[in-house]
């Protein structure tokens, strides 16, 4: 398994706290973790990042770089659609 796959959390339809817990577990071992989402899951990714940054302020986690973009996907009816994407970096503060 490549290192990039381990430091990335892909947001889907699971409960919000499942992603928060998973991200915190990864942050215990890594200096930074990327939270990625696309489409309707973008709001959930932002919520995960905000929960970690706000609730664990004293533990020293903060939001780093945020990248937004779009991907072209082929829908089931064969048409090409653009889907919005977001990547949020959550990192351990170095202090």
N, C-alpha and C. Protein backbone atom coordinates (compact mmCIF):
# COMPACT_ATOMS: atom_id res chain seq x y z
N UNK A 1 0.85 -1.18 0.00
CA UNK A 1 0.00 0.00 0.00
C UNK A 1 0.89 1.24 0.00
N UNK A 2 0.61 2.18 -0.88
CA UNK A 2 1.45 3.38 -0.97
C UNK A 2 1.18 4.32 0.20
N UNK A 3 2.13 5.20 0.45
CA UNK A 3 2.01 6.12 1.57
C UNK A 3 0.87 7.11 1.34
N UNK A 4 0.63 7.51 0.08
CA UNK A 4 -0.43 8.47 -0.19
C UNK A 4 -1.79 7.90 0.18
N UNK A 5 -2.00 6.63 -0.05
CA UNK A 5 -3.28 6.01 0.29
C UNK A 5 -3.50 6.02 1.80
N UNK A 6 -2.45 5.89 2.58
CA UNK A 6 -2.60 5.87 4.03
C UNK A 6 -2.87 7.24 4.62
N UNK A 7 -2.36 8.30 3.98
CA UNK A 7 -2.55 9.63 4.56
C UNK A 7 -3.74 10.36 3.94
N UNK A 8 -4.65 9.62 3.33
CA UNK A 8 -5.83 10.21 2.71
C UNK A 8 -7.09 9.53 3.23
N UNK A 9 -8.06 10.35 3.63
CA UNK A 9 -9.36 9.85 4.07
C UNK A 9 -10.37 10.27 3.00
N UNK A 10 -11.05 9.30 2.39
CA UNK A 10 -12.06 9.59 1.38
C UNK A 10 -13.42 9.63 2.05
N UNK A 11 -14.13 10.74 1.90
CA UNK A 11 -15.41 10.93 2.56
C UNK A 11 -16.53 10.36 1.69
N UNK A 12 -17.42 9.60 2.33
CA UNK A 12 -18.55 8.99 1.63
C UNK A 12 -19.83 9.17 2.43
N UNK A 13 -20.56 8.09 2.62
CA UNK A 13 -21.88 8.17 3.25
C UNK A 13 -21.93 7.63 4.68
N UNK A 14 -20.80 7.28 5.24
CA UNK A 14 -20.79 6.78 6.62
C UNK A 14 -21.12 7.92 7.58
N UNK A 15 -21.41 7.60 8.83
CA UNK A 15 -21.66 8.66 9.82
C UNK A 15 -20.44 9.56 9.99
N UNK A 16 -20.71 10.82 10.25
CA UNK A 16 -19.66 11.85 10.35
C UNK A 16 -18.55 11.47 11.31
N UNK A 17 -18.91 10.97 12.49
CA UNK A 17 -17.90 10.68 13.51
C UNK A 17 -17.00 9.51 13.12
N UNK A 18 -17.44 8.66 12.20
CA UNK A 18 -16.57 7.59 11.71
C UNK A 18 -15.37 8.18 11.00
N UNK A 19 -15.59 9.24 10.23
CA UNK A 19 -14.50 9.90 9.52
C UNK A 19 -13.62 10.71 10.46
N UNK A 20 -14.23 11.34 11.46
CA UNK A 20 -13.46 12.09 12.45
C UNK A 20 -12.53 11.14 13.20
N UNK A 21 -13.05 10.01 13.65
CA UNK A 21 -12.25 9.03 14.38
C UNK A 21 -11.13 8.48 13.50
N UNK A 22 -11.45 8.14 12.28
CA UNK A 22 -10.45 7.61 11.35
C UNK A 22 -9.33 8.63 11.11
N UNK A 23 -9.70 9.89 10.93
CA UNK A 23 -8.70 10.94 10.70
C UNK A 23 -7.82 11.13 11.93
N UNK A 24 -8.41 11.12 13.12
CA UNK A 24 -7.62 11.29 14.35
C UNK A 24 -6.65 10.12 14.56
N UNK A 25 -7.08 8.92 14.20
CA UNK A 25 -6.19 7.76 14.32
C UNK A 25 -5.00 7.92 13.39
N UNK A 26 -5.25 8.38 12.16
CA UNK A 26 -4.15 8.60 11.21
C UNK A 26 -3.23 9.73 11.67
N UNK A 27 -3.80 10.78 12.26
CA UNK A 27 -2.99 11.91 12.73
C UNK A 27 -2.11 11.54 13.92
N UNK A 28 -2.48 10.48 14.63
CA UNK A 28 -1.63 10.03 15.74
C UNK A 28 -0.30 9.49 15.22
N UNK A 29 -0.30 8.98 13.99
CA UNK A 29 0.90 8.38 13.42
C UNK A 29 1.57 9.22 12.35
N UNK A 30 0.85 10.16 11.76
CA UNK A 30 1.37 10.96 10.65
C UNK A 30 1.29 12.44 10.98
N UNK A 31 2.17 13.26 10.41
CA UNK A 31 2.12 14.71 10.69
C UNK A 31 0.95 15.41 10.01
N UNK A 32 0.45 14.86 8.90
CA UNK A 32 -0.67 15.49 8.18
C UNK A 32 -1.50 14.43 7.47
N UNK A 33 -2.80 14.71 7.35
CA UNK A 33 -3.72 13.82 6.67
C UNK A 33 -4.57 14.65 5.73
N UNK A 34 -4.85 14.13 4.53
CA UNK A 34 -5.71 14.81 3.56
C UNK A 34 -7.10 14.20 3.61
N UNK A 35 -8.10 15.06 3.66
CA UNK A 35 -9.49 14.64 3.61
C UNK A 35 -9.99 14.99 2.21
N UNK A 36 -10.45 13.98 1.46
CA UNK A 36 -10.90 14.21 0.09
C UNK A 36 -12.37 13.86 -0.04
N UNK A 37 -13.08 14.67 -0.84
CA UNK A 37 -14.49 14.40 -1.11
C UNK A 37 -14.85 15.01 -2.46
N UNK A 38 -15.95 14.51 -3.01
CA UNK A 38 -16.46 15.11 -4.24
C UNK A 38 -17.97 15.09 -4.23
N UNK A 39 -18.54 16.00 -4.97
CA UNK A 39 -20.00 16.07 -5.09
C UNK A 39 -20.69 16.44 -3.79
N UNK A 40 -21.72 15.68 -3.48
CA UNK A 40 -22.54 15.98 -2.31
C UNK A 40 -21.83 15.71 -0.98
N UNK A 41 -20.69 15.05 -1.01
CA UNK A 41 -19.95 14.76 0.22
C UNK A 41 -19.02 15.90 0.64
N UNK A 42 -18.93 16.96 -0.14
CA UNK A 42 -18.02 18.05 0.17
C UNK A 42 -18.37 18.69 1.52
N UNK A 43 -19.63 18.90 1.77
CA UNK A 43 -20.05 19.51 3.04
C UNK A 43 -19.65 18.66 4.23
N UNK A 44 -19.74 17.36 4.08
CA UNK A 44 -19.36 16.44 5.15
C UNK A 44 -17.86 16.50 5.39
N UNK A 45 -17.06 16.64 4.33
CA UNK A 45 -15.60 16.76 4.48
C UNK A 45 -15.23 18.02 5.24
N UNK A 46 -15.92 19.11 4.94
CA UNK A 46 -15.68 20.36 5.65
C UNK A 46 -16.06 20.21 7.12
N UNK A 47 -17.17 19.53 7.40
CA UNK A 47 -17.58 19.29 8.78
C UNK A 47 -16.54 18.48 9.54
N UNK A 48 -15.99 17.44 8.91
CA UNK A 48 -14.96 16.60 9.55
C UNK A 48 -13.75 17.45 9.91
N UNK A 49 -13.28 18.27 8.96
CA UNK A 49 -12.11 19.11 9.20
C UNK A 49 -12.38 20.12 10.32
N UNK A 50 -13.56 20.70 10.34
CA UNK A 50 -13.90 21.69 11.37
C UNK A 50 -14.01 21.06 12.75
N UNK A 51 -14.59 19.88 12.83
CA UNK A 51 -14.69 19.19 14.12
C UNK A 51 -13.30 18.92 14.67
N UNK A 52 -12.40 18.43 13.82
CA UNK A 52 -11.04 18.13 14.29
C UNK A 52 -10.32 19.40 14.71
N UNK A 53 -10.43 20.46 13.91
CA UNK A 53 -9.72 21.71 14.22
C UNK A 53 -10.28 22.38 15.48
N UNK A 54 -11.59 22.38 15.64
CA UNK A 54 -12.19 23.09 16.77
C UNK A 54 -12.18 22.29 18.07
N UNK A 55 -12.57 21.03 17.99
CA UNK A 55 -12.70 20.22 19.20
C UNK A 55 -11.34 19.79 19.75
N UNK A 56 -10.34 19.71 18.90
CA UNK A 56 -9.02 19.25 19.35
C UNK A 56 -7.98 20.36 19.26
N UNK A 57 -8.44 21.61 19.44
CA UNK A 57 -7.51 22.76 19.41
C UNK A 57 -6.36 22.56 20.39
N UNK A 58 -6.69 22.09 21.58
CA UNK A 58 -5.67 21.92 22.62
C UNK A 58 -4.70 20.78 22.26
N UNK A 59 -5.15 19.83 21.44
CA UNK A 59 -4.28 18.74 21.02
C UNK A 59 -3.33 19.18 19.92
N UNK A 60 -3.60 20.35 19.32
CA UNK A 60 -2.68 20.92 18.36
C UNK A 60 -2.89 20.53 16.93
N UNK A 61 -4.14 20.39 16.48
CA UNK A 61 -4.41 20.11 15.08
C UNK A 61 -5.01 21.35 14.42
N UNK A 62 -4.65 21.59 13.18
CA UNK A 62 -5.19 22.73 12.46
C UNK A 62 -5.40 22.37 10.99
N UNK A 63 -6.15 23.22 10.31
CA UNK A 63 -6.41 23.03 8.89
C UNK A 63 -5.29 23.70 8.11
N UNK A 64 -4.73 22.94 7.17
CA UNK A 64 -3.65 23.46 6.34
C UNK A 64 -4.18 23.90 4.99
N UNK A 65 -3.60 23.37 3.94
CA UNK A 65 -3.94 23.76 2.58
C UNK A 65 -5.29 23.17 2.16
N UNK A 66 -6.06 23.96 1.42
CA UNK A 66 -7.35 23.51 0.90
C UNK A 66 -7.32 23.66 -0.62
N UNK A 67 -7.62 22.56 -1.32
CA UNK A 67 -7.63 22.58 -2.78
C UNK A 67 -9.03 22.25 -3.26
N UNK A 68 -9.53 23.05 -4.21
CA UNK A 68 -10.83 22.75 -4.81
C UNK A 68 -10.64 22.59 -6.31
N UNK A 69 -11.50 21.80 -6.92
CA UNK A 69 -11.40 21.57 -8.35
C UNK A 69 -12.62 20.83 -8.84
N UNK A 70 -12.48 20.27 -10.03
CA UNK A 70 -13.57 19.47 -10.58
C UNK A 70 -13.00 18.33 -11.41
N UNK A 71 -13.77 17.26 -11.51
CA UNK A 71 -13.40 16.09 -12.29
C UNK A 71 -14.50 15.84 -13.31
N UNK A 72 -14.11 15.37 -14.48
CA UNK A 72 -15.09 14.98 -15.49
C UNK A 72 -15.37 13.49 -15.34
N UNK A 73 -16.63 13.16 -15.13
CA UNK A 73 -17.04 11.77 -14.99
C UNK A 73 -18.12 11.47 -16.01
N UNK A 74 -18.18 10.21 -16.43
CA UNK A 74 -19.23 9.80 -17.34
C UNK A 74 -20.40 9.27 -16.53
N UNK A 75 -21.56 9.83 -16.75
CA UNK A 75 -22.75 9.39 -16.01
C UNK A 75 -23.28 8.10 -16.61
N UNK A 76 -24.27 7.53 -15.96
CA UNK A 76 -24.83 6.24 -16.39
C UNK A 76 -25.47 6.33 -17.77
N UNK A 77 -25.97 7.51 -18.12
CA UNK A 77 -26.58 7.66 -19.45
C UNK A 77 -25.55 8.01 -20.53
N UNK A 78 -24.26 7.98 -20.18
CA UNK A 78 -23.21 8.16 -21.16
C UNK A 78 -22.73 9.59 -21.37
N UNK A 79 -23.36 10.55 -20.69
CA UNK A 79 -22.94 11.94 -20.84
C UNK A 79 -21.82 12.27 -19.87
N UNK A 80 -20.99 13.23 -20.24
CA UNK A 80 -19.90 13.67 -19.38
C UNK A 80 -20.41 14.76 -18.45
N UNK A 81 -20.10 14.60 -17.16
CA UNK A 81 -20.52 15.59 -16.15
C UNK A 81 -19.31 16.04 -15.35
N UNK A 82 -19.33 17.28 -14.94
CA UNK A 82 -18.29 17.80 -14.07
C UNK A 82 -18.75 17.68 -12.63
N UNK A 83 -17.88 17.12 -11.78
CA UNK A 83 -18.18 16.94 -10.36
C UNK A 83 -17.15 17.72 -9.56
N UNK A 84 -17.63 18.54 -8.64
CA UNK A 84 -16.73 19.33 -7.81
C UNK A 84 -15.98 18.45 -6.83
N UNK A 85 -14.73 18.83 -6.52
CA UNK A 85 -13.92 18.08 -5.56
C UNK A 85 -13.28 19.04 -4.56
N UNK A 86 -12.94 18.51 -3.40
CA UNK A 86 -12.23 19.28 -2.39
C UNK A 86 -11.22 18.37 -1.71
N UNK A 87 -10.08 18.94 -1.35
CA UNK A 87 -9.06 18.24 -0.60
C UNK A 87 -8.62 19.18 0.52
N UNK A 88 -8.79 18.73 1.76
CA UNK A 88 -8.46 19.55 2.94
C UNK A 88 -7.35 18.86 3.69
N UNK A 89 -6.29 19.60 3.97
CA UNK A 89 -5.17 19.07 4.76
C UNK A 89 -5.39 19.40 6.22
N UNK A 90 -5.35 18.40 7.07
CA UNK A 90 -5.40 18.59 8.52
C UNK A 90 -4.03 18.18 9.04
N UNK A 91 -3.39 19.07 9.78
CA UNK A 91 -2.02 18.79 10.20
C UNK A 91 -1.83 19.03 11.69
N UNK A 92 -0.79 18.41 12.19
CA UNK A 92 -0.39 18.60 13.56
C UNK A 92 0.41 19.88 13.65
N UNK A 93 0.10 20.72 14.62
CA UNK A 93 0.87 21.96 14.78
C UNK A 93 2.26 21.65 15.30
N UNK A 94 3.25 22.35 14.77
CA UNK A 94 4.63 22.19 15.24
C UNK A 94 4.96 23.37 16.14
N UNK A 95 4.81 23.16 17.43
CA UNK A 95 5.10 24.24 18.37
C UNK A 95 5.78 23.71 19.60
